[in-house]
PDB file of N, CA and C in Angstrom:
ATOM      1  N   MET A   1       3.305 -17.653   6.526  1.00  0.00           N
ATOM      2  CA  MET A   1       2.841 -17.178   5.237  1.00  0.00           C
ATOM      3  C   MET A   1       1.454 -16.560   5.421  1.00  0.00           C
ATOM      4  N   ILE A   2       1.235 -15.450   4.780  1.00  0.00           N
ATOM      5  CA  ILE A   2      -0.064 -14.800   4.899  1.00  0.00           C
ATOM      6  C   ILE A   2      -1.006 -15.301   3.810  1.00  0.00           C
ATOM      7  N   ASP A   3      -2.266 -15.185   4.069  1.00  0.00           N
ATOM      8  CA  ASP A   3      -3.300 -15.532   3.096  1.00  0.00           C
ATOM      9  C   ASP A   3      -3.896 -14.222   2.602  1.00  0.00           C
ATOM     10  N   LEU A   4      -3.351 -13.710   1.506  1.00  0.00           N
ATOM     11  CA  LEU A   4      -3.765 -12.412   0.983  1.00  0.00           C
ATOM     12  C   LEU A   4      -5.246 -12.385   0.623  1.00  0.00           C
ATOM     13  N   ARG A   5      -5.755 -13.483   0.121  1.00  0.00           N
ATOM     14  CA  ARG A   5      -7.186 -13.529  -0.226  1.00  0.00           C
ATOM     15  C   ARG A   5      -8.065 -13.401   1.021  1.00  0.00           C
ATOM     16  N   GLN A   6      -7.645 -14.044   2.111  1.00  0.00           N
ATOM     17  CA  GLN A   6      -8.415 -13.931   3.358  1.00  0.00           C
ATOM     18  C   GLN A   6      -8.335 -12.514   3.912  1.00  0.00           C
ATOM     19  N   ILE A   7      -7.148 -11.928   3.853  1.00  0.00           N
ATOM     20  CA  ILE A   7      -7.002 -10.548   4.315  1.00  0.00           C
ATOM     21  C   ILE A   7      -7.883  -9.622   3.480  1.00  0.00           C
ATOM     22  N   GLN A   8      -7.920  -9.849   2.175  1.00  0.00           N
ATOM     23  CA  GLN A   8      -8.753  -9.018   1.305  1.00  0.00           C
ATOM     24  C   GLN A   8     -10.232  -9.182   1.660  1.00  0.00           C
ATOM     25  N   ALA A   9     -10.669 -10.394   1.925  1.00  0.00           N
ATOM     26  CA  ALA A   9     -12.065 -10.631   2.309  1.00  0.00           C
ATOM     27  C   ALA A   9     -12.372  -9.962   3.654  1.00  0.00           C
ATOM     28  N   ASP A  10     -11.460 -10.079   4.596  1.00  0.00           N
ATOM     29  CA  ASP A  10     -11.638  -9.426   5.897  1.00  0.00           C
ATOM     30  C   ASP A  10     -11.657  -7.903   5.733  1.00  0.00           C
ATOM     31  N   HIS A  11     -10.810  -7.413   4.860  1.00  0.00           N
ATOM     32  CA  HIS A  11     -10.755  -5.969   4.615  1.00  0.00           C
ATOM     33  C   HIS A  11     -12.082  -5.459   4.071  1.00  0.00           C
ATOM     34  N   LYS A  12     -12.679  -6.204   3.153  1.00  0.00           N
ATOM     35  CA  LYS A  12     -13.954  -5.767   2.574  1.00  0.00           C
ATOM     36  C   LYS A  12     -15.017  -5.641   3.658  1.00  0.00           C
ATOM     37  N   LYS A  13     -15.108  -6.630   4.534  1.00  0.00           N
ATOM     38  CA  LYS A  13     -16.078  -6.568   5.641  1.00  0.00           C
ATOM     39  C   LYS A  13     -15.804  -5.354   6.525  1.00  0.00           C
ATOM     40  N   TRP A  14     -14.543  -5.156   6.866  1.00  0.00           N
ATOM     41  CA  TRP A  14     -14.156  -4.039   7.721  1.00  0.00           C
ATOM     42  C   TRP A  14     -14.492  -2.702   7.062  1.00  0.00           C
ATOM     43  N   GLN A  15     -14.138  -2.588   5.781  1.00  0.00           N
ATOM     44  CA  GLN A  15     -14.382  -1.331   5.074  1.00  0.00           C
ATOM     45  C   GLN A  15     -15.880  -1.043   4.955  1.00  0.00           C
ATOM     46  N   ASP A  16     -16.652  -2.033   4.597  1.00  0.00           N
ATOM     47  CA  ASP A  16     -18.100  -1.843   4.460  1.00  0.00           C
ATOM     48  C   ASP A  16     -18.740  -1.460   5.792  1.00  0.00           C
ATOM     49  N   GLN A  17     -18.235  -2.017   6.884  1.00  0.00           N
ATOM     50  CA  GLN A  17     -18.781  -1.722   8.206  1.00  0.00           C
ATOM     51  C   GLN A  17     -18.380  -0.328   8.681  1.00  0.00           C
ATOM     52  N   ASN A  18     -17.137   0.042   8.439  1.00  0.00           N
ATOM     53  CA  ASN A  18     -16.618   1.295   8.972  1.00  0.00           C
ATOM     54  C   ASN A  18     -16.795   2.498   8.050  1.00  0.00           C
ATOM     55  N   PHE A  19     -16.950   2.250   6.771  1.00  0.00           N
ATOM     56  CA  PHE A  19     -17.073   3.334   5.803  1.00  0.00           C
ATOM     57  C   PHE A  19     -18.218   3.049   4.831  1.00  0.00           C
ATOM     58  N   PRO A  20     -19.445   2.960   5.340  1.00  0.00           N
ATOM     59  CA  PRO A  20     -20.573   2.673   4.448  1.00  0.00           C
ATOM     60  C   PRO A  20     -20.726   3.790   3.408  1.00  0.00           C
ATOM     61  N   GLY A  21     -21.016   3.381   2.196  1.00  0.00           N
ATOM     62  CA  GLY A  21     -21.207   4.346   1.120  1.00  0.00           C
ATOM     63  C   GLY A  21     -19.916   4.873   0.515  1.00  0.00           C
ATOM     64  N   TRP A  22     -18.791   4.242   0.847  1.00  0.00           N
ATOM     65  CA  TRP A  22     -17.520   4.693   0.296  1.00  0.00           C
ATOM     66  C   TRP A  22     -17.487   4.533  -1.216  1.00  0.00           C
ATOM     67  N   GLU A  23     -16.692   5.357  -1.846  1.00  0.00           N
ATOM     68  CA  GLU A  23     -16.534   5.332  -3.297  1.00  0.00           C
ATOM     69  C   GLU A  23     -15.145   4.807  -3.649  1.00  0.00           C
ATOM     70  N   PRO A  24     -15.003   4.092  -4.759  1.00  0.00           N
ATOM     71  CA  PRO A  24     -13.695   3.553  -5.138  1.00  0.00           C
ATOM     72  C   PRO A  24     -12.600   4.611  -5.248  1.00  0.00           C
ATOM     73  N   TRP A  25     -12.947   5.789  -5.719  1.00  0.00           N
ATOM     74  CA  TRP A  25     -11.926   6.828  -5.869  1.00  0.00           C
ATOM     75  C   TRP A  25     -11.305   7.206  -4.528  1.00  0.00           C
ATOM     76  N   GLU A  26     -12.043   7.022  -3.435  1.00  0.00           N
ATOM     77  CA  GLU A  26     -11.490   7.338  -2.120  1.00  0.00           C
ATOM     78  C   GLU A  26     -10.290   6.440  -1.802  1.00  0.00           C
ATOM     79  N   CYS A  27     -10.347   5.197  -2.247  1.00  0.00           N
ATOM     80  CA  CYS A  27      -9.225   4.277  -2.048  1.00  0.00           C
ATOM     81  C   CYS A  27      -8.020   4.710  -2.869  1.00  0.00           C
ATOM     82  N   LEU A  28      -8.275   5.139  -4.088  1.00  0.00           N
ATOM     83  CA  LEU A  28      -7.183   5.588  -4.945  1.00  0.00           C
ATOM     84  C   LEU A  28      -6.510   6.824  -4.361  1.00  0.00           C
ATOM     85  N   VAL A  29      -7.297   7.784  -3.923  1.00  0.00           N
ATOM     86  CA  VAL A  29      -6.747   9.001  -3.328  1.00  0.00           C
ATOM     87  C   VAL A  29      -6.033   8.677  -2.014  1.00  0.00           C
ATOM     88  N   GLY A  30      -6.590   7.751  -1.232  1.00  0.00           N
ATOM     89  CA  GLY A  30      -5.938   7.340   0.003  1.00  0.00           C
ATOM     90  C   GLY A  30      -4.586   6.695  -0.265  1.00  0.00           C
ATOM     91  N   ALA A  31      -4.524   5.851  -1.295  1.00  0.00           N
ATOM     92  CA  ALA A  31      -3.249   5.212  -1.653  1.00  0.00           C
ATOM     93  C   ALA A  31      -2.232   6.268  -2.079  1.00  0.00           C
ATOM     94  N   GLN A  32      -2.680   7.233  -2.850  1.00  0.00           N
ATOM     95  CA  GLN A  32      -1.780   8.305  -3.296  1.00  0.00           C
ATOM     96  C   GLN A  32      -1.274   9.113  -2.107  1.00  0.00           C
ATOM     97  N   GLU A  33      -2.141   9.389  -1.153  1.00  0.00           N
ATOM     98  CA  GLU A  33      -1.745  10.142   0.031  1.00  0.00           C
ATOM     99  C   GLU A  33      -0.691   9.366   0.826  1.00  0.00           C
ATOM    100  N   GLU A  34      -0.867   8.063   0.929  1.00  0.00           N
ATOM    101  CA  GLU A  34       0.110   7.244   1.646  1.00  0.00           C
ATOM    102  C   GLU A  34       1.443   7.180   0.901  1.00  0.00           C
ATOM    103  N   LEU A  35       1.403   7.156  -0.430  1.00  0.00           N
ATOM    104  CA  LEU A  35       2.655   7.217  -1.194  1.00  0.00           C
ATOM    105  C   LEU A  35       3.362   8.545  -0.944  1.00  0.00           C
ATOM    106  N   GLY A  36       2.569   9.594  -0.783  1.00  0.00           N
ATOM    107  CA  GLY A  36       3.151  10.884  -0.424  1.00  0.00           C
ATOM    108  C   GLY A  36       3.851  10.818   0.928  1.00  0.00           C
ATOM    109  N   GLU A  37       3.252  10.124   1.889  1.00  0.00           N
ATOM    110  CA  GLU A  37       3.890   9.953   3.191  1.00  0.00           C
ATOM    111  C   GLU A  37       5.193   9.164   3.066  1.00  0.00           C
ATOM    112  N   LEU A  38       5.201   8.167   2.185  1.00  0.00           N
ATOM    113  CA  LEU A  38       6.417   7.394   1.969  1.00  0.00           C
ATOM    114  C   LEU A  38       7.509   8.277   1.359  1.00  0.00           C
ATOM    115  N   CYS A  39       7.135   9.080   0.382  1.00  0.00           N
ATOM    116  CA  CYS A  39       8.090  10.014  -0.223  1.00  0.00           C
ATOM    117  C   CYS A  39       8.597  11.008   0.814  1.00  0.00           C
ATOM    118  N   HIS A  40       7.716  11.492   1.660  1.00  0.00           N
ATOM    119  CA  HIS A  40       8.103  12.429   2.712  1.00  0.00           C
ATOM    120  C   HIS A  40       9.126  11.792   3.647  1.00  0.00           C
ATOM    121  N   ALA A  41       8.885  10.552   4.046  1.00  0.00           N
ATOM    122  CA  ALA A  41       9.821   9.858   4.935  1.00  0.00           C
ATOM    123  C   ALA A  41      11.189   9.726   4.273  1.00  0.00           C
ATOM    124  N   PHE A  42      11.215   9.369   2.987  1.00  0.00           N
ATOM    125  CA  PHE A  42      12.487   9.238   2.279  1.00  0.00           C
ATOM    126  C   PHE A  42      13.185  10.577   2.139  1.00  0.00           C
ATOM    127  N   LEU A  43      12.452  11.610   1.773  1.00  0.00           N
ATOM    128  CA  LEU A  43      13.052  12.926   1.578  1.00  0.00           C
ATOM    129  C   LEU A  43      13.655  13.446   2.882  1.00  0.00           C
ATOM    130  N   LYS A  44      12.887  13.404   3.962  1.00  0.00           N
ATOM    131  CA  LYS A  44      13.392  13.920   5.228  1.00  0.00           C
ATOM    132  C   LYS A  44      14.536  13.053   5.749  1.00  0.00           C
ATOM    133  N   GLY A  45      14.460  11.758   5.517  1.00  0.00           N
ATOM    134  CA  GLY A  45      15.560  10.879   5.905  1.00  0.00           C
ATOM    135  C   GLY A  45      16.815  11.160   5.116  1.00  0.00           C
ATOM    136  N   HIS A  46      16.661  11.391   3.830  1.00  0.00           N
ATOM    137  CA  HIS A  46      17.809  11.701   2.975  1.00  0.00           C
ATOM    138  C   HIS A  46      18.430  13.038   3.359  1.00  0.00           C
ATOM    139  N   GLN A  47      17.573  14.005   3.665  1.00  0.00           N
ATOM    140  CA  GLN A  47      18.061  15.333   4.023  1.00  0.00           C
ATOM    141  C   GLN A  47      18.587  15.384   5.451  1.00  0.00           C
ATOM    142  N   GLY A  48      18.214  14.401   6.249  1.00  0.00           N
ATOM    143  CA  GLY A  48      18.654  14.372   7.630  1.00  0.00           C
ATOM    144  C   GLY A  48      18.050  15.484   8.469  1.00  0.00           C
ATOM    145  N   ILE A  49      16.825  15.875   8.127  1.00  0.00           N
ATOM    146  CA  ILE A  49      16.192  16.960   8.878  1.00  0.00           C
ATOM    147  C   ILE A  49      14.998  16.447   9.670  1.00  0.00           C
ATOM    148  N   ARG A  50      14.531  17.291  10.572  1.00  0.00           N
ATOM    149  CA  ARG A  50      13.417  16.968  11.459  1.00  0.00           C
ATOM    150  C   ARG A  50      13.711  15.733  12.307  1.00  0.00           C
ATOM    151  N   GLY A  51      14.971  15.573  12.672  1.00  0.00           N
ATOM    152  CA  GLY A  51      15.337  14.471  13.548  1.00  0.00           C
ATOM    153  C   GLY A  51      15.316  13.116  12.874  1.00  0.00           C
ATOM    154  N   LYS A  52      15.273  13.126  11.554  1.00  0.00           N
ATOM    155  CA  LYS A  52      15.213  11.853  10.829  1.00  0.00           C
ATOM    156  C   LYS A  52      16.482  11.668  10.004  1.00  0.00           C
ATOM    157  N   ASN A  53      16.850  10.437   9.844  1.00  0.00           N
ATOM    158  CA  ASN A  53      17.981  10.060   9.025  1.00  0.00           C
ATOM    159  C   ASN A  53      17.678   8.668   8.487  1.00  0.00           C
ATOM    160  N   LEU A  54      18.147   8.358   7.304  1.00  0.00           N
ATOM    161  CA  LEU A  54      17.849   7.052   6.712  1.00  0.00           C
ATOM    162  C   LEU A  54      18.334   5.899   7.584  1.00  0.00           C
ATOM    163  N   ASP A  55      19.261   6.157   8.486  1.00  0.00           N
ATOM    164  CA  ASP A  55      19.761   5.110   9.380  1.00  0.00           C
ATOM    165  C   ASP A  55      19.022   5.051  10.710  1.00  0.00           C
ATOM    166  N   ASP A  56      18.169   6.038  10.991  1.00  0.00           N
ATOM    167  CA  ASP A  56      17.436   6.077  12.255  1.00  0.00           C
ATOM    168  C   ASP A  56      16.276   5.099  12.234  1.00  0.00           C
ATOM    169  N   GLU A  57      15.818   4.724  13.420  1.00  0.00           N
ATOM    170  CA  GLU A  57      14.674   3.820  13.532  1.00  0.00           C
ATOM    171  C   GLU A  57      13.381   4.479  13.068  1.00  0.00           C
ATOM    172  N   VAL A  58      13.273   5.793  13.217  1.00  0.00           N
ATOM    173  CA  VAL A  58      12.047   6.497  12.845  1.00  0.00           C
ATOM    174  C   VAL A  58      11.773   6.344  11.349  1.00  0.00           C
ATOM    175  N   PHE A  59      12.793   6.484  10.540  1.00  0.00           N
ATOM    176  CA  PHE A  59      12.592   6.407   9.090  1.00  0.00           C
ATOM    177  C   PHE A  59      11.991   5.077   8.648  1.00  0.00           C
ATOM    178  N   PRO A  60      12.580   3.927   8.996  1.00  0.00           N
ATOM    179  CA  PRO A  60      11.983   2.681   8.514  1.00  0.00           C
ATOM    180  C   PRO A  60      10.587   2.432   9.068  1.00  0.00           C
ATOM    181  N   ASP A  61      10.329   2.872  10.288  1.00  0.00           N
ATOM    182  CA  ASP A  61       8.982   2.708  10.854  1.00  0.00           C
ATOM    183  C   ASP A  61       7.959   3.487  10.038  1.00  0.00           C
ATOM    184  N   GLU A  62       8.276   4.742   9.719  1.00  0.00           N
ATOM    185  CA  GLU A  62       7.361   5.561   8.928  1.00  0.00           C
ATOM    186  C   GLU A  62       7.206   4.994   7.516  1.00  0.00           C
ATOM    187  N   ALA A  63       8.294   4.549   6.929  1.00  0.00           N
ATOM    188  CA  ALA A  63       8.250   4.002   5.573  1.00  0.00           C
ATOM    189  C   ALA A  63       7.415   2.725   5.526  1.00  0.00           C
ATOM    190  N   ARG A  64       7.638   1.826   6.472  1.00  0.00           N
ATOM    191  CA  ARG A  64       6.870   0.572   6.497  1.00  0.00           C
ATOM    192  C   ARG A  64       5.389   0.839   6.724  1.00  0.00           C
ATOM    193  N   ASP A  65       5.072   1.783   7.593  1.00  0.00           N
ATOM    194  CA  ASP A  65       3.677   2.138   7.834  1.00  0.00           C
ATOM    195  C   ASP A  65       3.020   2.655   6.554  1.00  0.00           C
ATOM    196  N   ALA A  66       3.703   3.513   5.830  1.00  0.00           N
ATOM    197  CA  ALA A  66       3.153   4.066   4.593  1.00  0.00           C
ATOM    198  C   ALA A  66       2.973   2.978   3.530  1.00  0.00           C
ATOM    199  N   ILE A  67       3.909   2.055   3.452  1.00  0.00           N
ATOM    200  CA  ILE A  67       3.794   0.953   2.484  1.00  0.00           C
ATOM    201  C   ILE A  67       2.575   0.093   2.821  1.00  0.00           C
ATOM    202  N   GLY A  68       2.449  -0.284   4.085  1.00  0.00           N
ATOM    203  CA  GLY A  68       1.298  -1.096   4.496  1.00  0.00           C
ATOM    204  C   GLY A  68      -0.019  -0.391   4.238  1.00  0.00           C
ATOM    205  N   ASP A  69      -0.092   0.888   4.598  1.00  0.00           N
ATOM    206  CA  ASP A  69      -1.325   1.643   4.383  1.00  0.00           C
ATOM    207  C   ASP A  69      -1.663   1.762   2.904  1.00  0.00           C
ATOM    208  N   THR A  70      -0.643   1.933   2.063  1.00  0.00           N
ATOM    209  CA  THR A  70      -0.869   2.009   0.615  1.00  0.00           C
ATOM    210  C   THR A  70      -1.502   0.714   0.110  1.00  0.00           C
ATOM    211  N   ILE A  71      -0.981  -0.411   0.552  1.00  0.00           N
ATOM    212  CA  ILE A  71      -1.516  -1.705   0.124  1.00  0.00           C
ATOM    213  C   ILE A  71      -2.951  -1.880   0.608  1.00  0.00           C
ATOM    214  N   VAL A  72      -3.236  -1.444   1.833  1.00  0.00           N
ATOM    215  CA  VAL A  72      -4.603  -1.560   2.355  1.00  0.00           C
ATOM    216  C   VAL A  72      -5.565  -0.734   1.497  1.00  0.00           C
ATOM    217  N   PHE A  73      -5.183   0.471   1.135  1.00  0.00           N
ATOM    218  CA  PHE A  73      -6.043   1.283   0.274  1.00  0.00           C
ATOM    219  C   PHE A  73      -6.221   0.635  -1.105  1.00  0.00           C
ATOM    220  N   LEU A  74      -5.141   0.089  -1.671  1.00  0.00           N
ATOM    221  CA  LEU A  74      -5.256  -0.567  -2.978  1.00  0.00           C
ATOM    222  C   LEU A  74      -6.114  -1.829  -2.891  1.00  0.00           C
ATOM    223  N   MET A  75      -6.081  -2.482  -1.741  1.00  0.00           N
ATOM    224  CA  MET A  75      -6.948  -3.638  -1.518  1.00  0.00           C
ATOM    225  C   MET A  75      -8.411  -3.205  -1.579  1.00  0.00           C
ATOM    226  N   GLY A  76      -8.709  -2.058  -0.998  1.00  0.00           N
ATOM    227  CA  GLY A  76     -10.075  -1.520  -1.064  1.00  0.00           C
ATOM    228  C   GLY A  76     -10.503  -1.231  -2.491  1.00  0.00           C
ATOM    229  N   LEU A  77      -9.580  -0.699  -3.282  1.00  0.00           N
ATOM    230  CA  LEU A  77      -9.888  -0.441  -4.696  1.00  0.00           C
ATOM    231  C   LEU A  77     -10.180  -1.750  -5.423  1.00  0.00           C
ATOM    232  N   CYS A  78      -9.378  -2.769  -5.156  1.00  0.00           N
ATOM    233  CA  CYS A  78      -9.613  -4.086  -5.750  1.00  0.00           C
ATOM    234  C   CYS A  78     -10.974  -4.631  -5.331  1.00  0.00           C
ATOM    235  N   ASN A  79     -11.323  -4.482  -4.066  1.00  0.00           N
ATOM    236  CA  ASN A  79     -12.623  -4.953  -3.597  1.00  0.00           C
ATOM    237  C   ASN A  79     -13.764  -4.247  -4.318  1.00  0.00           C
ATOM    238  N   ALA A  80     -13.597  -2.967  -4.576  1.00  0.00           N
ATOM    239  CA  ALA A  80     -14.653  -2.195  -5.240  1.00  0.00           C
ATOM    240  C   ALA A  80     -14.982  -2.756  -6.613  1.00  0.00           C
ATOM    241  N   TYR A  81     -13.976  -3.303  -7.279  1.00  0.00           N
ATOM    242  CA  TYR A  81     -14.175  -3.819  -8.632  1.00  0.00           C
ATOM    243  C   TYR A  81     -14.186  -5.344  -8.706  1.00  0.00           C
ATOM    244  N   GLY A  82     -14.112  -5.991  -7.554  1.00  0.00           N
ATOM    245  CA  GLY A  82     -14.138  -7.452  -7.540  1.00  0.00           C
ATOM    246  C   GLY A  82     -12.856  -8.072  -8.059  1.00  0.00           C
ATOM    247  N   TRP A  83     -11.756  -7.366  -7.935  1.00  0.00           N
ATOM    248  CA  TRP A  83     -10.470  -7.878  -8.399  1.00  0.00           C
ATOM    249  C   TRP A  83      -9.764  -8.627  -7.276  1.00  0.00           C
ATOM    250  N   ASP A  84      -9.071  -9.678  -7.616  1.00  0.00           N
ATOM    251  CA  ASP A  84      -8.317 -10.498  -6.682  1.00  0.00           C
ATOM    252  C   ASP A  84      -6.890  -9.956  -6.619  1.00  0.00           C
ATOM    253  N   LEU A  85      -6.557  -9.297  -5.513  1.00  0.00           N
ATOM    254  CA  LEU A  85      -5.238  -8.673  -5.377  1.00  0.00           C
ATOM    255  C   LEU A  85      -4.117  -9.696  -5.487  1.00  0.00           C
ATOM    256  N   GLU A  86      -4.316 -10.865  -4.900  1.00  0.00           N
ATOM    257  CA  GLU A  86      -3.275 -11.896  -4.971  1.00  0.00           C
ATOM    258  C   GLU A  86      -3.021 -12.306  -6.411  1.00  0.00           C
ATOM    259  N   ASN A  87      -4.086 -12.487  -7.180  1.00  0.00           N
ATOM    260  CA  ASN A  87      -3.947 -12.848  -8.589  1.00  0.00           C
ATOM    261  C   ASN A  87      -3.256 -11.736  -9.374  1.00  0.00           C
ATOM    262  N   ILE A  88      -3.630 -10.504  -9.102  1.00  0.00           N
ATOM    263  CA  ILE A  88      -2.998  -9.363  -9.778  1.00  0.00           C
ATOM    264  C   ILE A  88      -1.505  -9.355  -9.493  1.00  0.00           C
ATOM    265  N   LEU A  89      -1.148  -9.536  -8.229  1.00  0.00           N
ATOM    266  CA  LEU A  89       0.255  -9.529  -7.841  1.00  0.00           C
ATOM    267  C   LEU A  89       1.024 -10.686  -8.476  1.00  0.00           C
ATOM    268  N   GLU A  90       0.435 -11.878  -8.459  1.00  0.00           N
ATOM    269  CA  GLU A  90       1.094 -13.051  -9.068  1.00  0.00           C
ATOM    270  C   GLU A  90       1.297 -12.848 -10.561  1.00  0.00           C
ATOM    271  N   THR A  91       0.260 -12.413 -11.250  1.00  0.00           N
ATOM    272  CA  THR A  91       0.329 -12.219 -12.701  1.00  0.00           C
ATOM    273  C   THR A  91       1.346 -11.144 -13.063  1.00  0.00           C
ATOM    274  N   THR A  92       1.308 -10.051 -12.323  1.00  0.00           N
ATOM    275  CA  THR A  92       2.246  -8.964 -12.598  1.00  0.00           C
ATOM    276  C   THR A  92       3.673  -9.396 -12.334  1.00  0.00           C
ATOM    277  N   TRP A  93       3.898 -10.112 -11.218  1.00  0.00           N
ATOM    278  CA  TRP A  93       5.244 -10.552 -10.905  1.00  0.00           C
ATOM    279  C   TRP A  93       5.765 -11.526 -11.969  1.00  0.00           C
ATOM    280  N   GLN A  94       4.911 -12.414 -12.452  1.00  0.00           N
ATOM    281  CA  GLN A  94       5.337 -13.338 -13.511  1.00  0.00           C
ATOM    282  C   GLN A  94       5.833 -12.561 -14.726  1.00  0.00           C
ATOM    283  N   ASP A  95       5.146 -11.493 -15.059  1.00  0.00           N
ATOM    284  CA  ASP A  95       5.544 -10.661 -16.202  1.00  0.00           C
ATOM    285  C   ASP A  95       6.825  -9.885 -15.893  1.00  0.00           C
ATOM    286  N   VAL A  96       6.831  -9.181 -14.783  1.00  0.00           N
ATOM    287  CA  VAL A  96       7.974  -8.332 -14.428  1.00  0.00           C
ATOM    288  C   VAL A  96       9.243  -9.158 -14.231  1.00  0.00           C
ATOM    289  N   SER A  97       9.117 -10.319 -13.615  1.00  0.00           N
ATOM    290  CA  SER A  97      10.305 -11.121 -13.326  1.00  0.00           C
ATOM    291  C   SER A  97      10.982 -11.658 -14.597  1.00  0.00           C
ATOM    292  N   GLN A  98      10.284 -11.612 -15.709  1.00  0.00           N
ATOM    293  CA  GLN A  98      10.878 -12.066 -16.958  1.00  0.00           C
ATOM    294  C   GLN A  98      11.564 -10.953 -17.737  1.00  0.00           C
ATOM    295  N   ARG A  99      11.413  -9.740 -17.291  1.00  0.00           N
ATOM    296  CA  ARG A  99      12.040  -8.600 -17.973  1.00  0.00           C
ATOM    297  C   ARG A  99      13.526  -8.583 -17.687  1.00  0.00           C
ATOM    298  N   ARG A 100      14.295  -8.324 -18.722  1.00  0.00           N
ATOM    299  CA  ARG A 100      15.758  -8.262 -18.575  1.00  0.00           C
ATOM    300  C   ARG A 100      16.191  -6.885 -19.016  1.00  0.00           C
ATOM    301  N   TRP A 101      16.702  -6.125 -18.056  1.00  0.00           N
ATOM    302  CA  TRP A 101      17.106  -4.745 -18.339  1.00  0.00           C
ATOM    303  C   TRP A 101      18.595  -4.628 -18.564  1.00  0.00           C
ATOM    304  N   ARG A 102      19.342  -5.685 -18.293  1.00  0.00           N
ATOM    305  CA  ARG A 102      20.795  -5.637 -18.511  1.00  0.00           C
ATOM    306  C   ARG A 102      21.216  -6.819 -19.335  1.00  0.00           C
TER     307      ARG A 102
END
């Protein structure tokens, strides 16, 4: 089991050391760029072009990388505002898991 709060604390130290003077909007734009990479992986995998296919190993590797990078950028945004990502995720999941669409 991972300790999301510890990862978030470690991330803040890493980000402050490696990107001094960073702005919160940079994390938001970075997350959006990574979502674009995830969409790109799905599109090319679906189309079966550029040597990619949804069943190939390349597709899931690229998709997982983009998902992880998106979360890391969102963690930076949370750090900028002092938000606890684990708490946000728990609270949101409690709400979403109670929704009944069928």
